Amino acid sequence: MQDKNNERIIGIKLPNNMTDKAVDMLMDVLEFCSGVSVLEDKKVKEPSINPFDEKVMRIGREFTFDSAHHLLNYDGACAHVHGHTYHLHIMLLGKVKDGFVIDFKLLKEIVKEYVINKLDHKDLNKVLDFNPTAENIAVKIWDVLDPVIDEAFKGRVVLERVKLYETPGSFVEYDGGLA
């Protein structure tokens, strides 16, 4: 390539991991050559193999657990012991890094340890210290998971929503008071 003065121009791509001292030494050698000038000293960012890094996304995982309960201070059939197959959706919000927000496996392990293992095939009136309505259970799940997720992912993701289906057509959502 030639510039407007008909002088030859070449480019030298240096590795980004080259130390500043090594770059300075190379520049000294080039300046020692008569008629050589350095046009620009600029580090070039390596192209990402993950074009969507830094995009904010919601990710979620669904869980099921079976539990029995009865509602306190309730006038109706649900005042008697009965069971549900609960469907729990946990939604997180975070930035994509290295191609993903988090590993779904880690979220599964956390929810199983802190929620599912404590509620599955249990009488909720015996393991919880409050009236086990779907609303109260959702708040309790949030209160348990929020600090664990924050610690596990070092604040890179946040718990955005807990959605708990008590029956296929009946659910509650809790967002920790964010909305």
Foldseek 3Di string as FASTA:
>chain_A
DADPVRDDDDDDQDDPPDDPVNVVVVQVVQVVDPPGDDDDDDHDDDDDPAVQFFPKDKDKDKDWAKEWEAFPPDPDPSNDIDMFTKIKMWIKIATDDSHHLDDVVVVVVLCCVQPRVQGHHYYCVVSDPDGPDQVVSQVVSCVRVQVVVCVVNVNRMGTAKMWMDRHPVDIDIDGPPPD
